[in-house]
Amino acid sequence: MEDSELLALAAAGVVDARGSACPGPLLEAKKGIGKVKVGEVLEIVSNDSGTRKDIPVWAGKVGHEFLGVVAADGCDRIFVRRKK
């Protein structure tokens, strides 16, 4: 997805993991995905560089849809759609 499309998404939940080092943001994402309904989008905000790689791998392994990453204000906004 394009950055503008990602930013236009209405995330059903947001996990703010700024200041949390690996594996913190991934653990927060795992908890957060359970709080949104199937088909809804979770946004993970992180300033840990490893999260950019960890979230897409995790999403693929567990069957969720990784939508993309937008860099903003010194952090990454990562979008995942819950699929199950």
N, C-alpha and C. Protein backbone atom coordinates (compact mmCIF):
# COMPACT_ATOMS: atom_id res chain seq x y z
N MET A 1 0.83 -1.18 0.00
CA MET A 1 0.00 0.00 0.00
C MET A 1 0.88 1.25 0.00
N GLU A 2 0.37 2.30 -0.58
CA GLU A 2 1.06 3.59 -0.58
C GLU A 2 0.98 4.21 0.83
N ASP A 3 1.92 5.08 1.16
CA ASP A 3 1.91 5.74 2.47
C ASP A 3 0.58 6.46 2.72
N SER A 4 0.07 7.15 1.70
CA SER A 4 -1.18 7.90 1.89
C SER A 4 -2.35 6.97 2.17
N GLU A 5 -2.34 5.78 1.54
CA GLU A 5 -3.40 4.80 1.80
C GLU A 5 -3.32 4.27 3.22
N LEU A 6 -2.09 4.00 3.68
CA LEU A 6 -1.90 3.51 5.04
C LEU A 6 -2.36 4.55 6.06
N LEU A 7 -1.98 5.80 5.84
CA LEU A 7 -2.34 6.85 6.78
C LEU A 7 -3.84 7.13 6.80
N ALA A 8 -4.53 6.77 5.71
CA ALA A 8 -5.98 6.98 5.64
C ALA A 8 -6.76 5.85 6.32
N LEU A 9 -6.08 4.76 6.67
CA LEU A 9 -6.75 3.63 7.32
C LEU A 9 -7.25 4.05 8.70
N ALA A 10 -8.41 3.56 9.04
CA ALA A 10 -8.93 3.78 10.39
C ALA A 10 -8.55 2.57 11.22
N ALA A 11 -7.47 2.70 11.98
CA ALA A 11 -7.01 1.59 12.82
C ALA A 11 -7.99 1.39 13.98
N ALA A 12 -8.37 0.14 14.20
CA ALA A 12 -9.29 -0.17 15.30
C ALA A 12 -8.56 -0.16 16.63
N GLY A 13 -7.24 -0.34 16.57
CA GLY A 13 -6.43 -0.33 17.79
C GLY A 13 -5.05 0.21 17.49
N VAL A 14 -4.44 0.84 18.49
CA VAL A 14 -3.09 1.37 18.34
C VAL A 14 -2.25 0.91 19.53
N VAL A 15 -1.09 0.35 19.22
CA VAL A 15 -0.13 -0.04 20.24
C VAL A 15 1.02 0.95 20.17
N ASP A 16 1.24 1.71 21.23
CA ASP A 16 2.34 2.66 21.27
C ASP A 16 3.51 2.00 21.99
N ALA A 17 4.47 1.50 21.21
CA ALA A 17 5.62 0.79 21.78
C ALA A 17 6.89 1.64 21.70
N ARG A 18 6.73 2.96 21.55
CA ARG A 18 7.90 3.83 21.51
C ARG A 18 8.65 3.73 22.84
N GLY A 19 9.97 3.64 22.74
CA GLY A 19 10.79 3.52 23.93
C GLY A 19 10.98 2.10 24.40
N SER A 20 10.31 1.17 23.77
CA SER A 20 10.43 -0.25 24.12
C SER A 20 11.39 -0.91 23.15
N ALA A 21 12.38 -1.62 23.68
CA ALA A 21 13.37 -2.29 22.84
C ALA A 21 12.91 -3.71 22.52
N CYS A 22 13.45 -4.26 21.45
CA CYS A 22 13.14 -5.61 21.00
C CYS A 22 13.32 -6.58 22.17
N PRO A 23 12.41 -7.49 22.43
CA PRO A 23 11.21 -7.85 21.66
C PRO A 23 9.93 -7.15 22.13
N GLY A 24 10.06 -6.08 22.91
CA GLY A 24 8.89 -5.41 23.48
C GLY A 24 7.81 -5.04 22.48
N PRO A 25 8.15 -4.35 21.37
CA PRO A 25 7.10 -3.98 20.42
C PRO A 25 6.36 -5.19 19.84
N LEU A 26 7.08 -6.27 19.60
CA LEU A 26 6.43 -7.48 19.07
C LEU A 26 5.48 -8.07 20.11
N LEU A 27 5.91 -8.11 21.35
CA LEU A 27 5.04 -8.63 22.41
C LEU A 27 3.79 -7.76 22.56
N GLU A 28 3.96 -6.45 22.46
CA GLU A 28 2.82 -5.53 22.54
C GLU A 28 1.87 -5.75 21.35
N ALA A 29 2.44 -5.99 20.17
CA ALA A 29 1.62 -6.25 18.98
C ALA A 29 0.80 -7.53 19.15
N LYS A 30 1.44 -8.56 19.71
CA LYS A 30 0.74 -9.83 19.94
C LYS A 30 -0.45 -9.63 20.88
N LYS A 31 -0.27 -8.82 21.92
CA LYS A 31 -1.39 -8.53 22.83
C LYS A 31 -2.44 -7.67 22.15
N GLY A 32 -1.98 -6.68 21.40
CA GLY A 32 -2.89 -5.74 20.75
C GLY A 32 -3.77 -6.36 19.69
N ILE A 33 -3.24 -7.33 18.96
CA ILE A 33 -4.02 -7.93 17.85
C ILE A 33 -5.24 -8.66 18.41
N GLY A 34 -5.15 -9.15 19.63
CA GLY A 34 -6.28 -9.83 20.25
C GLY A 34 -7.40 -8.89 20.66
N LYS A 35 -7.12 -7.59 20.65
CA LYS A 35 -8.12 -6.61 21.07
C LYS A 35 -8.87 -5.99 19.90
N VAL A 36 -8.50 -6.36 18.67
CA VAL A 36 -9.24 -5.89 17.50
C VAL A 36 -9.96 -7.08 16.87
N LYS A 37 -11.04 -6.80 16.18
CA LYS A 37 -11.83 -7.87 15.56
C LYS A 37 -11.19 -8.33 14.26
N VAL A 38 -11.52 -9.55 13.86
CA VAL A 38 -11.05 -10.08 12.58
C VAL A 38 -11.47 -9.12 11.47
N GLY A 39 -10.52 -8.76 10.61
CA GLY A 39 -10.78 -7.82 9.52
C GLY A 39 -10.39 -6.39 9.85
N GLU A 40 -10.19 -6.11 11.14
CA GLU A 40 -9.81 -4.76 11.55
C GLU A 40 -8.29 -4.59 11.52
N VAL A 41 -7.86 -3.34 11.58
CA VAL A 41 -6.43 -3.00 11.47
C VAL A 41 -5.87 -2.58 12.82
N LEU A 42 -4.68 -3.10 13.14
CA LEU A 42 -3.92 -2.69 14.31
C LEU A 42 -2.74 -1.86 13.84
N GLU A 43 -2.52 -0.72 14.47
CA GLU A 43 -1.35 0.11 14.18
C GLU A 43 -0.37 -0.03 15.33
N ILE A 44 0.89 -0.31 15.01
CA ILE A 44 1.95 -0.41 16.00
C ILE A 44 2.89 0.76 15.77
N VAL A 45 3.12 1.58 16.79
CA VAL A 45 4.03 2.72 16.70
C VAL A 45 5.30 2.35 17.47
N SER A 46 6.44 2.39 16.78
CA SER A 46 7.69 1.96 17.41
C SER A 46 8.87 2.76 16.90
N ASN A 47 9.84 2.98 17.77
CA ASN A 47 11.09 3.59 17.33
C ASN A 47 12.25 2.61 17.45
N ASP A 48 11.95 1.32 17.57
CA ASP A 48 12.96 0.27 17.58
C ASP A 48 13.12 -0.25 16.15
N SER A 49 14.31 -0.13 15.59
CA SER A 49 14.52 -0.48 14.17
C SER A 49 14.19 -1.94 13.86
N GLY A 50 14.36 -2.83 14.81
CA GLY A 50 14.08 -4.24 14.57
C GLY A 50 12.61 -4.54 14.33
N THR A 51 11.74 -3.68 14.85
CA THR A 51 10.30 -3.89 14.70
C THR A 51 9.89 -3.88 13.24
N ARG A 52 10.57 -3.08 12.43
CA ARG A 52 10.29 -2.99 10.99
C ARG A 52 10.41 -4.36 10.31
N LYS A 53 11.30 -5.20 10.81
CA LYS A 53 11.48 -6.55 10.25
C LYS A 53 10.65 -7.59 11.01
N ASP A 54 10.56 -7.42 12.33
CA ASP A 54 9.90 -8.43 13.16
C ASP A 54 8.40 -8.55 12.90
N ILE A 55 7.71 -7.43 12.76
CA ILE A 55 6.24 -7.47 12.62
C ILE A 55 5.80 -8.17 11.33
N PRO A 56 6.40 -7.86 10.16
CA PRO A 56 5.97 -8.59 8.95
C PRO A 56 6.20 -10.10 9.05
N VAL A 57 7.32 -10.51 9.66
CA VAL A 57 7.62 -11.94 9.81
C VAL A 57 6.58 -12.59 10.73
N TRP A 58 6.32 -11.95 11.87
CA TRP A 58 5.33 -12.47 12.81
C TRP A 58 3.95 -12.56 12.15
N ALA A 59 3.53 -11.50 11.47
CA ALA A 59 2.21 -11.49 10.84
C ALA A 59 2.07 -12.64 9.85
N GLY A 60 3.10 -12.86 9.04
CA GLY A 60 3.07 -13.96 8.07
C GLY A 60 3.00 -15.32 8.73
N LYS A 61 3.73 -15.49 9.82
CA LYS A 61 3.76 -16.78 10.52
C LYS A 61 2.41 -17.13 11.13
N VAL A 62 1.73 -16.12 11.68
CA VAL A 62 0.48 -16.41 12.40
C VAL A 62 -0.77 -16.19 11.55
N GLY A 63 -0.59 -15.72 10.30
CA GLY A 63 -1.73 -15.63 9.39
C GLY A 63 -2.43 -14.30 9.33
N HIS A 64 -1.78 -13.23 9.79
CA HIS A 64 -2.36 -11.89 9.65
C HIS A 64 -1.77 -11.23 8.41
N GLU A 65 -2.36 -10.12 7.98
CA GLU A 65 -1.91 -9.43 6.77
C GLU A 65 -1.09 -8.19 7.13
N PHE A 66 0.19 -8.21 6.79
CA PHE A 66 1.04 -7.05 6.97
C PHE A 66 0.71 -6.06 5.86
N LEU A 67 0.32 -4.84 6.23
CA LEU A 67 -0.10 -3.85 5.24
C LEU A 67 1.01 -2.89 4.85
N GLY A 68 1.93 -2.58 5.77
CA GLY A 68 3.03 -1.70 5.43
C GLY A 68 3.49 -0.87 6.60
N VAL A 69 4.52 -0.04 6.31
CA VAL A 69 5.16 0.81 7.32
C VAL A 69 5.24 2.24 6.78
N VAL A 70 4.96 3.20 7.63
CA VAL A 70 5.15 4.61 7.30
C VAL A 70 6.06 5.20 8.37
N ALA A 71 7.15 5.84 7.95
CA ALA A 71 8.04 6.53 8.89
C ALA A 71 7.47 7.92 9.16
N ALA A 72 7.35 8.27 10.44
CA ALA A 72 6.79 9.57 10.80
C ALA A 72 7.30 10.00 12.17
N ASP A 73 7.74 11.23 12.27
CA ASP A 73 8.13 11.82 13.55
C ASP A 73 9.14 10.97 14.32
N GLY A 74 10.14 10.42 13.64
CA GLY A 74 11.18 9.66 14.31
C GLY A 74 10.78 8.26 14.73
N CYS A 75 9.65 7.79 14.26
CA CYS A 75 9.23 6.43 14.59
C CYS A 75 8.55 5.81 13.36
N ASP A 76 8.28 4.52 13.47
CA ASP A 76 7.58 3.80 12.41
C ASP A 76 6.15 3.55 12.84
N ARG A 77 5.23 3.73 11.90
CA ARG A 77 3.83 3.35 12.09
C ARG A 77 3.61 2.12 11.22
N ILE A 78 3.34 0.99 11.86
CA ILE A 78 3.25 -0.30 11.18
C ILE A 78 1.80 -0.77 11.26
N PHE A 79 1.29 -1.23 10.11
CA PHE A 79 -0.13 -1.59 10.02
C PHE A 79 -0.30 -3.07 9.70
N VAL A 80 -1.15 -3.75 10.49
CA VAL A 80 -1.42 -5.18 10.34
C VAL A 80 -2.93 -5.39 10.40
N ARG A 81 -3.47 -6.17 9.45
CA ARG A 81 -4.90 -6.52 9.47
C ARG A 81 -5.06 -7.90 10.11
N ARG A 82 -5.92 -8.00 11.12
CA ARG A 82 -6.18 -9.29 11.76
C ARG A 82 -6.99 -10.16 10.80
N LYS A 83 -6.51 -11.36 10.57
CA LYS A 83 -7.15 -12.25 9.60
C LYS A 83 -7.82 -13.46 10.25
N LYS A 84 -7.57 -13.70 11.53
CA LYS A 84 -8.22 -14.86 12.18
C LYS A 84 -8.37 -14.63 13.65
